[in-house]
Amino acid sequence: MPETAHFRAVIREKARLAVCREIALLMVDQSLTLNEAAGRVVKEPSLNETFLNARWNAHSIEPPLPGTVATWFRDLRVTPEQIVRHLRPKS
């Protein structure tokens, strides 16, 4: 079932990007550090819902730890400000 594996990989990547977006917004809007924002995203049920629906329940895996989420953010190699500028373009 290569299509299923590909679909799951796409879902995982979209979930990771959604969480990185939330981290960037928290870092910029609330002046949080990366670890503080990652911890808040992982603990906040409404923010973590993407994970719960997309991956964790489907595979019976525990939600990611804040350190794992922080690593995902670092892997993007962009600043929180760059992400927020992309999300909130000037009119």
PDB file of N, CA and C in Angstrom:
ATOM      1  N   MET A   1       0.816  -1.186   0.000  1.00  0.00           N
ATOM      2  CA  MET A   1       0.000   0.000   0.000  1.00  0.00           C
ATOM      3  C   MET A   1       0.869   1.264   0.000  1.00  0.00           C
ATOM      4  N   PRO A   2       1.593   1.529  -1.057  1.00  0.00           N
ATOM      5  CA  PRO A   2       2.431   2.727  -1.094  1.00  0.00           C
ATOM      6  C   PRO A   2       1.627   4.013  -0.964  1.00  0.00           C
ATOM      7  N   GLU A   3       0.397   4.034  -1.499  1.00  0.00           N
ATOM      8  CA  GLU A   3      -0.409   5.252  -1.402  1.00  0.00           C
ATOM      9  C   GLU A   3      -0.712   5.586   0.049  1.00  0.00           C
ATOM     10  N   THR A   4      -1.007   4.574   0.852  1.00  0.00           N
ATOM     11  CA  THR A   4      -1.321   4.798   2.255  1.00  0.00           C
ATOM     12  C   THR A   4      -0.110   5.353   2.989  1.00  0.00           C
ATOM     13  N   ALA A   5       1.054   4.794   2.738  1.00  0.00           N
ATOM     14  CA  ALA A   5       2.276   5.283   3.381  1.00  0.00           C
ATOM     15  C   ALA A   5       2.548   6.729   2.972  1.00  0.00           C
ATOM     16  N   HIS A   6       2.359   7.020   1.700  1.00  0.00           N
ATOM     17  CA  HIS A   6       2.574   8.388   1.221  1.00  0.00           C
ATOM     18  C   HIS A   6       1.563   9.341   1.870  1.00  0.00           C
ATOM     19  N   PHE A   7       0.302   8.921   1.932  1.00  0.00           N
ATOM     20  CA  PHE A   7      -0.739   9.743   2.542  1.00  0.00           C
ATOM     21  C   PHE A   7      -0.405  10.039   4.002  1.00  0.00           C
ATOM     22  N   ARG A   8       0.027   9.022   4.727  1.00  0.00           N
ATOM     23  CA  ARG A   8       0.383   9.218   6.132  1.00  0.00           C
ATOM     24  C   ARG A   8       1.566  10.172   6.274  1.00  0.00           C
ATOM     25  N   ALA A   9       2.534  10.055   5.385  1.00  0.00           N
ATOM     26  CA  ALA A   9       3.695  10.955   5.428  1.00  0.00           C
ATOM     27  C   ALA A   9       3.269  12.399   5.179  1.00  0.00           C
ATOM     28  N   VAL A  10       2.361  12.592   4.238  1.00  0.00           N
ATOM     29  CA  VAL A  10       1.865  13.942   3.941  1.00  0.00           C
ATOM     30  C   VAL A  10       1.109  14.500   5.144  1.00  0.00           C
ATOM     31  N   ILE A  11       0.265  13.695   5.756  1.00  0.00           N
ATOM     32  CA  ILE A  11      -0.495  14.126   6.940  1.00  0.00           C
ATOM     33  C   ILE A  11       0.461  14.506   8.067  1.00  0.00           C
ATOM     34  N   ARG A  12       1.471  13.671   8.290  1.00  0.00           N
ATOM     35  CA  ARG A  12       2.450  13.959   9.342  1.00  0.00           C
ATOM     36  C   ARG A  12       3.148  15.292   9.093  1.00  0.00           C
ATOM     37  N   GLU A  13       3.559  15.512   7.850  1.00  0.00           N
ATOM     38  CA  GLU A  13       4.274  16.749   7.522  1.00  0.00           C
ATOM     39  C   GLU A  13       3.365  17.966   7.693  1.00  0.00           C
ATOM     40  N   LYS A  14       2.115  17.848   7.277  1.00  0.00           N
ATOM     41  CA  LYS A  14       1.174  18.966   7.452  1.00  0.00           C
ATOM     42  C   LYS A  14       0.952  19.249   8.935  1.00  0.00           C
ATOM     43  N   ALA A  15       0.856  18.208   9.740  1.00  0.00           N
ATOM     44  CA  ALA A  15       0.681  18.390  11.180  1.00  0.00           C
ATOM     45  C   ALA A  15       1.903  19.075  11.782  1.00  0.00           C
ATOM     46  N   ARG A  16       3.078  18.658  11.360  1.00  0.00           N
ATOM     47  CA  ARG A  16       4.305  19.285  11.868  1.00  0.00           C
ATOM     48  C   ARG A  16       4.355  20.762  11.500  1.00  0.00           C
ATOM     49  N   LEU A  17       4.020  21.076  10.262  1.00  0.00           N
ATOM     50  CA  LEU A  17       4.040  22.474   9.830  1.00  0.00           C
ATOM     51  C   LEU A  17       3.006  23.311  10.584  1.00  0.00           C
ATOM     52  N   ALA A  18       1.842  22.723  10.848  1.00  0.00           N
ATOM     53  CA  ALA A  18       0.806  23.441  11.600  1.00  0.00           C
ATOM     54  C   ALA A  18       1.296  23.775  13.005  1.00  0.00           C
ATOM     55  N   VAL A  19       1.972  22.840  13.631  1.00  0.00           N
ATOM     56  CA  VAL A  19       2.482  23.081  14.975  1.00  0.00           C
ATOM     57  C   VAL A  19       3.608  24.109  14.945  1.00  0.00           C
ATOM     58  N   CYS A  20       4.472  24.038  13.945  1.00  0.00           N
ATOM     59  CA  CYS A  20       5.548  25.030  13.822  1.00  0.00           C
ATOM     60  C   CYS A  20       4.972  26.428  13.623  1.00  0.00           C
ATOM     61  N   ARG A  21       3.882  26.515  12.888  1.00  0.00           N
ATOM     62  CA  ARG A  21       3.209  27.801  12.698  1.00  0.00           C
ATOM     63  C   ARG A  21       2.709  28.335  14.045  1.00  0.00           C
ATOM     64  N   GLU A  22       2.106  27.468  14.849  1.00  0.00           N
ATOM     65  CA  GLU A  22       1.611  27.884  16.168  1.00  0.00           C
ATOM     66  C   GLU A  22       2.762  28.322  17.069  1.00  0.00           C
ATOM     67  N   ILE A  23       3.876  27.616  17.003  1.00  0.00           N
ATOM     68  CA  ILE A  23       5.048  27.982  17.800  1.00  0.00           C
ATOM     69  C   ILE A  23       5.524  29.378  17.408  1.00  0.00           C
ATOM     70  N   ALA A  24       5.632  29.625  16.110  1.00  0.00           N
ATOM     71  CA  ALA A  24       6.105  30.931  15.636  1.00  0.00           C
ATOM     72  C   ALA A  24       5.190  32.049  16.121  1.00  0.00           C
ATOM     73  N   LEU A  25       3.895  31.832  16.036  1.00  0.00           N
ATOM     74  CA  LEU A  25       2.944  32.857  16.486  1.00  0.00           C
ATOM     75  C   LEU A  25       3.097  33.140  17.980  1.00  0.00           C
ATOM     76  N   LEU A  26       3.258  32.093  18.777  1.00  0.00           N
ATOM     77  CA  LEU A  26       3.444  32.287  20.217  1.00  0.00           C
ATOM     78  C   LEU A  26       4.750  33.013  20.513  1.00  0.00           C
ATOM     79  N   MET A  27       5.805  32.639  19.802  1.00  0.00           N
ATOM     80  CA  MET A  27       7.106  33.272  20.039  1.00  0.00           C
ATOM     81  C   MET A  27       7.055  34.764  19.726  1.00  0.00           C
ATOM     82  N   VAL A  28       6.404  35.123  18.637  1.00  0.00           N
ATOM     83  CA  VAL A  28       6.355  36.529  18.229  1.00  0.00           C
ATOM     84  C   VAL A  28       5.320  37.307  19.045  1.00  0.00           C
ATOM     85  N   ASP A  29       4.119  36.773  19.167  1.00  0.00           N
ATOM     86  CA  ASP A  29       3.035  37.511  19.828  1.00  0.00           C
ATOM     87  C   ASP A  29       3.198  37.603  21.345  1.00  0.00           C
ATOM     88  N   GLN A  30       3.752  36.549  21.959  1.00  0.00           N
ATOM     89  CA  GLN A  30       3.846  36.527  23.422  1.00  0.00           C
ATOM     90  C   GLN A  30       5.283  36.558  23.925  1.00  0.00           C
ATOM     91  N   SER A  31       6.225  36.750  23.022  1.00  0.00           N
ATOM     92  CA  SER A  31       7.653  36.824  23.378  1.00  0.00           C
ATOM     93  C   SER A  31       8.120  35.610  24.175  1.00  0.00           C
ATOM     94  N   LEU A  32       7.703  34.434  23.740  1.00  0.00           N
ATOM     95  CA  LEU A  32       8.125  33.201  24.395  1.00  0.00           C
ATOM     96  C   LEU A  32       9.392  32.670  23.735  1.00  0.00           C
ATOM     97  N   THR A  33      10.145  31.879  24.496  1.00  0.00           N
ATOM     98  CA  THR A  33      11.288  31.189  23.905  1.00  0.00           C
ATOM     99  C   THR A  33      10.765  30.003  23.104  1.00  0.00           C
ATOM    100  N   LEU A  34      11.640  29.416  22.315  1.00  0.00           N
ATOM    101  CA  LEU A  34      11.243  28.245  21.525  1.00  0.00           C
ATOM    102  C   LEU A  34      10.736  27.128  22.427  1.00  0.00           C
ATOM    103  N   ASN A  35      11.459  26.835  23.500  1.00  0.00           N
ATOM    104  CA  ASN A  35      11.045  25.748  24.389  1.00  0.00           C
ATOM    105  C   ASN A  35       9.738  26.057  25.108  1.00  0.00           C
ATOM    106  N   GLU A  36       9.535  27.307  25.512  1.00  0.00           N
ATOM    107  CA  GLU A  36       8.273  27.683  26.162  1.00  0.00           C
ATOM    108  C   GLU A  36       7.104  27.522  25.192  1.00  0.00           C
ATOM    109  N   ALA A  37       7.284  28.007  23.973  1.00  0.00           N
ATOM    110  CA  ALA A  37       6.213  27.912  22.973  1.00  0.00           C
ATOM    111  C   ALA A  37       5.931  26.459  22.612  1.00  0.00           C
ATOM    112  N   ALA A  38       6.983  25.667  22.436  1.00  0.00           N
ATOM    113  CA  ALA A  38       6.798  24.247  22.100  1.00  0.00           C
ATOM    114  C   ALA A  38       6.059  23.525  23.216  1.00  0.00           C
ATOM    115  N   GLY A  39       6.419  23.820  24.458  1.00  0.00           N
ATOM    116  CA  GLY A  39       5.735  23.200  25.591  1.00  0.00           C
ATOM    117  C   GLY A  39       4.269  23.569  25.640  1.00  0.00           C
ATOM    118  N   ARG A  40       3.972  24.816  25.343  1.00  0.00           N
ATOM    119  CA  ARG A  40       2.581  25.264  25.359  1.00  0.00           C
ATOM    120  C   ARG A  40       1.778  24.614  24.235  1.00  0.00           C
ATOM    121  N   VAL A  41       2.364  24.491  23.061  1.00  0.00           N
ATOM    122  CA  VAL A  41       1.661  23.884  21.924  1.00  0.00           C
ATOM    123  C   VAL A  41       1.353  22.420  22.215  1.00  0.00           C
ATOM    124  N   VAL A  42       2.299  21.708  22.788  1.00  0.00           N
ATOM    125  CA  VAL A  42       2.091  20.286  23.071  1.00  0.00           C
ATOM    126  C   VAL A  42       1.036  20.092  24.152  1.00  0.00           C
ATOM    127  N   LYS A  43       0.982  20.984  25.137  1.00  0.00           N
ATOM    128  CA  LYS A  43       0.046  20.831  26.258  1.00  0.00           C
ATOM    129  C   LYS A  43      -1.346  21.361  25.964  1.00  0.00           C
ATOM    130  N   GLU A  44      -1.475  22.241  24.994  1.00  0.00           N
ATOM    131  CA  GLU A  44      -2.762  22.878  24.691  1.00  0.00           C
ATOM    132  C   GLU A  44      -3.594  21.971  23.790  1.00  0.00           C
ATOM    133  N   PRO A  45      -4.726  21.419  24.296  1.00  0.00           N
ATOM    134  CA  PRO A  45      -5.509  20.474  23.494  1.00  0.00           C
ATOM    135  C   PRO A  45      -5.970  21.028  22.152  1.00  0.00           C
ATOM    136  N   SER A  46      -6.388  22.285  22.105  1.00  0.00           N
ATOM    137  CA  SER A  46      -6.896  22.801  20.834  1.00  0.00           C
ATOM    138  C   SER A  46      -5.785  22.896  19.797  1.00  0.00           C
ATOM    139  N   LEU A  47      -4.569  23.230  20.223  1.00  0.00           N
ATOM    140  CA  LEU A  47      -3.453  23.304  19.287  1.00  0.00           C
ATOM    141  C   LEU A  47      -2.975  21.910  18.905  1.00  0.00           C
ATOM    142  N   ASN A  48      -3.101  20.973  19.838  1.00  0.00           N
ATOM    143  CA  ASN A  48      -2.612  19.619  19.610  1.00  0.00           C
ATOM    144  C   ASN A  48      -3.620  18.772  18.837  1.00  0.00           C
ATOM    145  N   GLU A  49      -4.803  19.316  18.567  1.00  0.00           N
ATOM    146  CA  GLU A  49      -5.857  18.556  17.901  1.00  0.00           C
ATOM    147  C   GLU A  49      -5.421  18.055  16.532  1.00  0.00           C
ATOM    148  N   THR A  50      -4.624  18.831  15.829  1.00  0.00           N
ATOM    149  CA  THR A  50      -4.127  18.400  14.521  1.00  0.00           C
ATOM    150  C   THR A  50      -3.400  17.079  14.658  1.00  0.00           C
ATOM    151  N   PHE A  51      -2.571  16.970  15.680  1.00  0.00           N
ATOM    152  CA  PHE A  51      -1.836  15.730  15.901  1.00  0.00           C
ATOM    153  C   PHE A  51      -2.773  14.598  16.280  1.00  0.00           C
ATOM    154  N   LEU A  52      -3.681  14.891  17.205  1.00  0.00           N
ATOM    155  CA  LEU A  52      -4.564  13.836  17.692  1.00  0.00           C
ATOM    156  C   LEU A  52      -5.369  13.228  16.556  1.00  0.00           C
ATOM    157  N   ASN A  53      -5.863  14.064  15.662  1.00  0.00           N
ATOM    158  CA  ASN A  53      -6.669  13.562  14.557  1.00  0.00           C
ATOM    159  C   ASN A  53      -5.825  12.956  13.448  1.00  0.00           C
ATOM    160  N   ALA A  54      -4.689  13.562  13.153  1.00  0.00           N
ATOM    161  CA  ALA A  54      -3.918  13.153  11.985  1.00  0.00           C
ATOM    162  C   ALA A  54      -3.019  11.963  12.229  1.00  0.00           C
ATOM    163  N   ARG A  55      -2.492  11.830  13.419  1.00  0.00           N
ATOM    164  CA  ARG A  55      -1.486  10.793  13.567  1.00  0.00           C
ATOM    165  C   ARG A  55      -1.590   9.999  14.851  1.00  0.00           C
ATOM    166  N   TRP A  56      -1.634  10.685  15.970  1.00  0.00           N
ATOM    167  CA  TRP A  56      -1.400   9.990  17.226  1.00  0.00           C
ATOM    168  C   TRP A  56      -2.484   8.976  17.552  1.00  0.00           C
ATOM    169  N   ASN A  57      -3.749   9.317  17.388  1.00  0.00           N
ATOM    170  CA  ASN A  57      -4.797   8.336  17.646  1.00  0.00           C
ATOM    171  C   ASN A  57      -4.752   7.207  16.634  1.00  0.00           C
ATOM    172  N   ALA A  58      -4.517   7.544  15.374  1.00  0.00           N
ATOM    173  CA  ALA A  58      -4.509   6.537  14.313  1.00  0.00           C
ATOM    174  C   ALA A  58      -3.428   5.493  14.532  1.00  0.00           C
ATOM    175  N   HIS A  59      -2.328   5.897  15.149  1.00  0.00           N
ATOM    176  CA  HIS A  59      -1.219   4.963  15.318  1.00  0.00           C
ATOM    177  C   HIS A  59      -0.967   4.612  16.777  1.00  0.00           C
ATOM    178  N   SER A  60      -1.857   5.044  17.669  1.00  0.00           N
ATOM    179  CA  SER A  60      -1.723   4.787  19.103  1.00  0.00           C
ATOM    180  C   SER A  60      -0.348   5.203  19.620  1.00  0.00           C
ATOM    181  N   ILE A  61       0.097   6.386  19.216  1.00  0.00           N
ATOM    182  CA  ILE A  61       1.388   6.908  19.645  1.00  0.00           C
ATOM    183  C   ILE A  61       1.124   8.088  20.563  1.00  0.00           C
ATOM    184  N   GLU A  62       1.939   8.204  21.593  1.00  0.00           N
ATOM    185  CA  GLU A  62       1.813   9.348  22.494  1.00  0.00           C
ATOM    186  C   GLU A  62       2.099  10.639  21.731  1.00  0.00           C
ATOM    187  N   PRO A  63       1.446  11.732  22.094  1.00  0.00           N
ATOM    188  CA  PRO A  63       1.771  13.014  21.461  1.00  0.00           C
ATOM    189  C   PRO A  63       3.255  13.331  21.647  1.00  0.00           C
ATOM    190  N   PRO A  64       3.820  14.139  20.767  1.00  0.00           N
ATOM    191  CA  PRO A  64       5.251  14.418  20.837  1.00  0.00           C
ATOM    192  C   PRO A  64       5.620  15.224  22.074  1.00  0.00           C
ATOM    193  N   LEU A  65       6.859  15.094  22.488  1.00  0.00           N
ATOM    194  CA  LEU A  65       7.376  15.879  23.600  1.00  0.00           C
ATOM    195  C   LEU A  65       7.752  17.274  23.105  1.00  0.00           C
ATOM    196  N   PRO A  66       7.749  18.265  24.000  1.00  0.00           N
ATOM    197  CA  PRO A  66       8.122  19.612  23.575  1.00  0.00           C
ATOM    198  C   PRO A  66       9.486  19.667  22.883  1.00  0.00           C
ATOM    199  N   GLY A  67      10.451  18.888  23.351  1.00  0.00           N
ATOM    200  CA  GLY A  67      11.776  18.881  22.723  1.00  0.00           C
ATOM    201  C   GLY A  67      11.731  18.406  21.285  1.00  0.00           C
ATOM    202  N   THR A  68      10.874  17.429  21.008  1.00  0.00           N
ATOM    203  CA  THR A  68      10.713  16.935  19.641  1.00  0.00           C
ATOM    204  C   THR A  68      10.120  18.020  18.759  1.00  0.00           C
ATOM    205  N   VAL A  69       9.116  18.706  19.274  1.00  0.00           N
ATOM    206  CA  VAL A  69       8.463  19.770  18.520  1.00  0.00           C
ATOM    207  C   VAL A  69       9.443  20.915  18.272  1.00  0.00           C
ATOM    208  N   ALA A  70      10.259  21.242  19.266  1.00  0.00           N
ATOM    209  CA  ALA A  70      11.264  22.294  19.097  1.00  0.00           C
ATOM    210  C   ALA A  70      12.255  21.909  18.001  1.00  0.00           C
ATOM    211  N   THR A  71      12.605  20.632  17.930  1.00  0.00           N
ATOM    212  CA  THR A  71      13.515  20.158  16.877  1.00  0.00           C
ATOM    213  C   THR A  71      12.878  20.329  15.510  1.00  0.00           C
ATOM    214  N   TRP A  72      11.593  20.030  15.380  1.00  0.00           N
ATOM    215  CA  TRP A  72      10.900  20.223  14.097  1.00  0.00           C
ATOM    216  C   TRP A  72      11.015  21.673  13.674  1.00  0.00           C
ATOM    217  N   PHE A  73      10.825  22.575  14.645  1.00  0.00           N
ATOM    218  CA  PHE A  73      10.884  23.998  14.321  1.00  0.00           C
ATOM    219  C   PHE A  73      12.286  24.381  13.857  1.00  0.00           C
ATOM    220  N   ARG A  74      13.298  23.909  14.574  1.00  0.00           N
ATOM    221  CA  ARG A  74      14.684  24.216  14.191  1.00  0.00           C
ATOM    222  C   ARG A  74      14.997  23.688  12.798  1.00  0.00           C
ATOM    223  N   ASP A  75      14.444  22.537  12.457  1.00  0.00           N
ATOM    224  CA  ASP A  75      14.700  21.923  11.145  1.00  0.00           C
ATOM    225  C   ASP A  75      14.178  22.769   9.986  1.00  0.00           C
ATOM    226  N   LEU A  76      13.222  23.654  10.241  1.00  0.00           N
ATOM    227  CA  LEU A  76      12.686  24.508   9.174  1.00  0.00           C
ATOM    228  C   LEU A  76      13.716  25.525   8.694  1.00  0.00           C
ATOM    229  N   ARG A  77      14.644  25.883   9.579  1.00  0.00           N
ATOM    230  CA  ARG A  77      15.713  26.845   9.257  1.00  0.00           C
ATOM    231  C   ARG A  77      15.179  28.217   8.832  1.00  0.00           C
ATOM    232  N   VAL A  78      14.107  28.631   9.471  1.00  0.00           N
ATOM    233  CA  VAL A  78      13.576  29.982   9.284  1.00  0.00           C
ATOM    234  C   VAL A  78      13.316  30.565  10.668  1.00  0.00           C
ATOM    235  N   THR A  79      13.237  31.868  10.739  1.00  0.00           N
ATOM    236  CA  THR A  79      12.974  32.505  12.028  1.00  0.00           C
ATOM    237  C   THR A  79      11.466  32.580  12.267  1.00  0.00           C
ATOM    238  N   PRO A  80      11.063  32.687  13.528  1.00  0.00           N
ATOM    239  CA  PRO A  80       9.637  32.861  13.814  1.00  0.00           C
ATOM    240  C   PRO A  80       9.078  34.098  13.112  1.00  0.00           C
ATOM    241  N   GLU A  81       9.878  35.153  13.063  1.00  0.00           N
ATOM    242  CA  GLU A  81       9.435  36.387  12.417  1.00  0.00           C
ATOM    243  C   GLU A  81       9.159  36.171  10.929  1.00  0.00           C
ATOM    244  N   GLN A  82       9.986  35.359  10.267  1.00  0.00           N
ATOM    245  CA  GLN A  82       9.767  35.071   8.844  1.00  0.00           C
ATOM    246  C   GLN A  82       8.448  34.328   8.642  1.00  0.00           C
ATOM    247  N   ILE A  83       8.158  33.394   9.516  1.00  0.00           N
ATOM    248  CA  ILE A  83       6.908  32.633   9.408  1.00  0.00           C
ATOM    249  C   ILE A  83       5.717  33.561   9.619  1.00  0.00           C
ATOM    250  N   VAL A  84       5.783  34.395  10.656  1.00  0.00           N
ATOM    251  CA  VAL A  84       4.668  35.295  10.955  1.00  0.00           C
ATOM    252  C   VAL A  84       4.477  36.303   9.824  1.00  0.00           C
ATOM    253  N   ARG A  85       5.568  36.805   9.256  1.00  0.00           N
ATOM    254  CA  ARG A  85       5.444  37.729   8.111  1.00  0.00           C
ATOM    255  C   ARG A  85       4.746  37.041   6.946  1.00  0.00           C
ATOM    256  N   HIS A  86       5.032  35.765   6.752  1.00  0.00           N
ATOM    257  CA  HIS A  86       4.379  35.010   5.682  1.00  0.00           C
ATOM    258  C   HIS A  86       2.887  34.828   5.984  1.00  0.00           C
ATOM    259  N   LEU A  87       2.558  34.592   7.253  1.00  0.00           N
ATOM    260  CA  LEU A  87       1.162  34.380   7.645  1.00  0.00           C
ATOM    261  C   LEU A  87       0.361  35.676   7.657  1.00  0.00           C
ATOM    262  N   ARG A  88       1.031  36.779   7.927  1.00  0.00           N
ATOM    263  CA  ARG A  88       0.358  38.076   8.038  1.00  0.00           C
ATOM    264  C   ARG A  88       0.988  39.077   7.069  1.00  0.00           C
ATOM    265  N   PRO A  89       0.805  38.865   5.788  1.00  0.00           N
ATOM    266  CA  PRO A  89       1.413  39.805   4.837  1.00  0.00           C
ATOM    267  C   PRO A  89       0.830  41.202   5.016  1.00  0.00           C
ATOM    268  N   LYS A  90       1.674  42.188   4.784  1.00  0.00           N
ATOM    269  CA  LYS A  90       1.207  43.579   4.890  1.00  0.00           C
ATOM    270  C   LYS A  90       0.289  43.884   3.725  1.00  0.00           C
ATOM    271  N   SER A  91      -0.806  44.574   4.014  1.00  0.00           N
ATOM    272  CA  SER A  91      -1.792  44.887   2.975  1.00  0.00           C
ATOM    273  C   SER A  91      -1.324  46.021   2.103  1.00  0.00           C
TER     274      SER A  91
END
